[in-house]
């Protein structure tokens, strides 16, 4: 699944890709899943934003839980965790959070805040 490239001139924009589930009494889910390995490692799932040209910012990655417009409805949560070991004495997966590195400027920061 991909969108078209645009290289006609400096003002052209590449195509967007939108994946949307169906609306209904309860909205449909969207799942992106790396496949299980049959005799080797399982598939990975990566989210990577695009690199910006000289003088322009690179793209961002945003993961946001659902919002609510009703006074009695809960909002969506975001959960991030390392993998679970389901058998034997294998260690659970590591969760790493790091700010970006920089060659000439300050490295990126990590911010944790509550609502």
Protein backbone atom coordinates (compact mmCIF):
# COMPACT_ATOMS: atom_id res chain seq x y z
CA UNK A 1 0.00 0.00 0.00
CA UNK A 2 1.64 3.23 -1.05
CA UNK A 3 0.84 6.68 -2.39
CA UNK A 4 2.43 8.26 -5.44
CA UNK A 5 5.61 10.32 -5.43
CA UNK A 6 5.66 13.89 -6.69
CA UNK A 7 8.86 15.40 -8.01
CA UNK A 8 7.57 17.85 -10.61
CA UNK A 9 8.71 20.98 -8.77
CA UNK A 10 9.69 22.22 -5.32
CA UNK A 11 6.07 22.99 -4.37
CA UNK A 12 4.66 19.56 -5.23
CA UNK A 13 3.48 17.23 -2.47
CA UNK A 14 3.63 13.43 -2.32
CA UNK A 15 0.42 11.46 -1.94
CA UNK A 16 -1.17 10.63 1.44
CA UNK A 17 -2.21 7.19 2.69
CA UNK A 18 -5.22 6.95 4.98
CA UNK A 19 -6.49 3.70 6.48
CA UNK A 20 -9.94 4.09 8.02
CA UNK A 21 -12.16 1.47 9.58
CA UNK A 22 -15.93 1.48 9.19
CA UNK A 23 -18.32 3.54 11.26
CA UNK A 24 -21.23 1.87 13.02
CA UNK A 25 -22.99 1.65 16.36
CA UNK A 26 -19.47 0.77 17.56
CA UNK A 27 -16.64 1.89 15.28
CA UNK A 28 -14.45 -0.71 13.61
CA UNK A 29 -10.86 -1.33 14.71
CA UNK A 30 -7.66 -0.84 12.71
CA UNK A 31 -4.90 -3.33 13.42
CA UNK A 32 -1.38 -3.42 12.00
CA UNK A 33 0.27 -6.72 12.93
CA UNK A 34 3.70 -8.19 12.25
CA UNK A 35 3.37 -11.88 11.32
CA UNK A 36 4.38 -14.77 13.59
CA UNK A 37 7.55 -16.64 12.67
CA UNK A 38 6.92 -20.28 11.76
CA UNK A 39 10.52 -21.38 12.23
CA UNK A 40 12.29 -18.06 12.87
CA UNK A 41 11.83 -14.57 14.25
CA UNK A 42 8.45 -12.87 14.20
CA UNK A 43 7.81 -9.87 11.98
CA UNK A 44 8.43 -6.36 13.29
CA UNK A 45 6.24 -3.29 13.16
CA UNK A 46 7.94 0.08 12.63
CA UNK A 47 6.55 3.60 12.48
CA UNK A 48 9.03 6.03 10.94
CA UNK A 49 8.38 9.63 9.99
CA UNK A 50 9.93 11.10 6.85
CA UNK A 51 13.21 13.00 6.78
CA UNK A 52 12.95 16.70 5.96
CA UNK A 53 14.99 18.37 3.23
CA UNK A 54 17.70 20.89 4.21
CA UNK A 55 16.11 23.72 6.18
CA UNK A 56 12.85 21.85 6.82
CA UNK A 57 11.65 19.82 9.80
CA UNK A 58 11.38 16.05 9.64
CA UNK A 59 7.95 14.44 10.06
CA UNK A 60 6.50 13.52 13.44
CA UNK A 61 4.93 10.35 14.80
CA UNK A 62 1.79 10.84 16.87
CA UNK A 63 -0.11 8.18 18.80
CA UNK A 64 -3.22 9.53 20.50
CA UNK A 65 -6.01 7.81 22.41
CA UNK A 66 -9.55 8.62 21.30
CA UNK A 67 -11.32 11.76 22.51
CA UNK A 68 -14.82 12.01 23.91
CA UNK A 69 -17.44 14.69 23.35
CA UNK A 70 -19.95 13.21 25.81
CA UNK A 71 -19.81 14.12 29.49
CA UNK A 72 -20.29 10.48 30.56
CA UNK A 73 -17.99 8.71 28.08
CA UNK A 74 -14.41 7.71 28.88
CA UNK A 75 -11.60 8.72 26.56
CA UNK A 76 -9.26 6.23 24.91
CA UNK A 77 -5.98 5.12 26.49
CA UNK A 78 -2.54 4.60 24.98
CA UNK A 79 -0.52 1.63 26.24
CA UNK A 80 3.09 0.87 25.36
CA UNK A 81 4.89 -2.17 26.69
CA UNK A 82 7.71 -4.56 25.95
CA UNK A 83 6.89 -8.10 24.83
CA UNK A 84 5.62 -10.74 27.24
CA UNK A 85 7.50 -14.00 27.79
CA UNK A 86 4.85 -16.74 27.72
CA UNK A 87 6.96 -19.81 28.45
CA UNK A 88 10.20 -20.95 30.03
CA UNK A 89 12.78 -18.65 31.53
CA UNK A 90 12.94 -16.13 28.68
CA UNK A 91 13.14 -12.47 29.74
CA UNK A 92 10.31 -10.10 28.94
CA UNK A 93 10.81 -7.45 26.26
CA UNK A 94 12.53 -4.16 27.02
CA UNK A 95 10.77 -0.80 26.68
CA UNK A 96 13.14 2.03 25.76
CA UNK A 97 12.25 5.70 25.51
CA UNK A 98 14.93 8.13 24.39
CA UNK A 99 15.17 11.61 22.98
CA UNK A 100 16.90 12.02 19.61
CA UNK A 101 20.63 12.57 19.26
CA UNK A 102 22.28 15.59 17.65
CA UNK A 103 25.69 16.07 16.05
CA UNK A 104 25.91 19.84 16.57
CA UNK A 105 23.05 20.86 18.86
CA UNK A 106 21.39 19.68 22.04
CA UNK A 107 19.99 16.16 22.10
CA UNK A 108 16.25 15.66 22.32
CA UNK A 109 14.53 15.49 25.69
CA UNK A 110 12.07 13.03 27.20
CA UNK A 111 9.00 14.53 28.85
CA UNK A 112 6.55 12.68 31.06
CA UNK A 113 3.48 14.59 32.21
CA UNK A 114 0.09 13.81 33.71
CA UNK A 115 -3.27 15.33 32.78
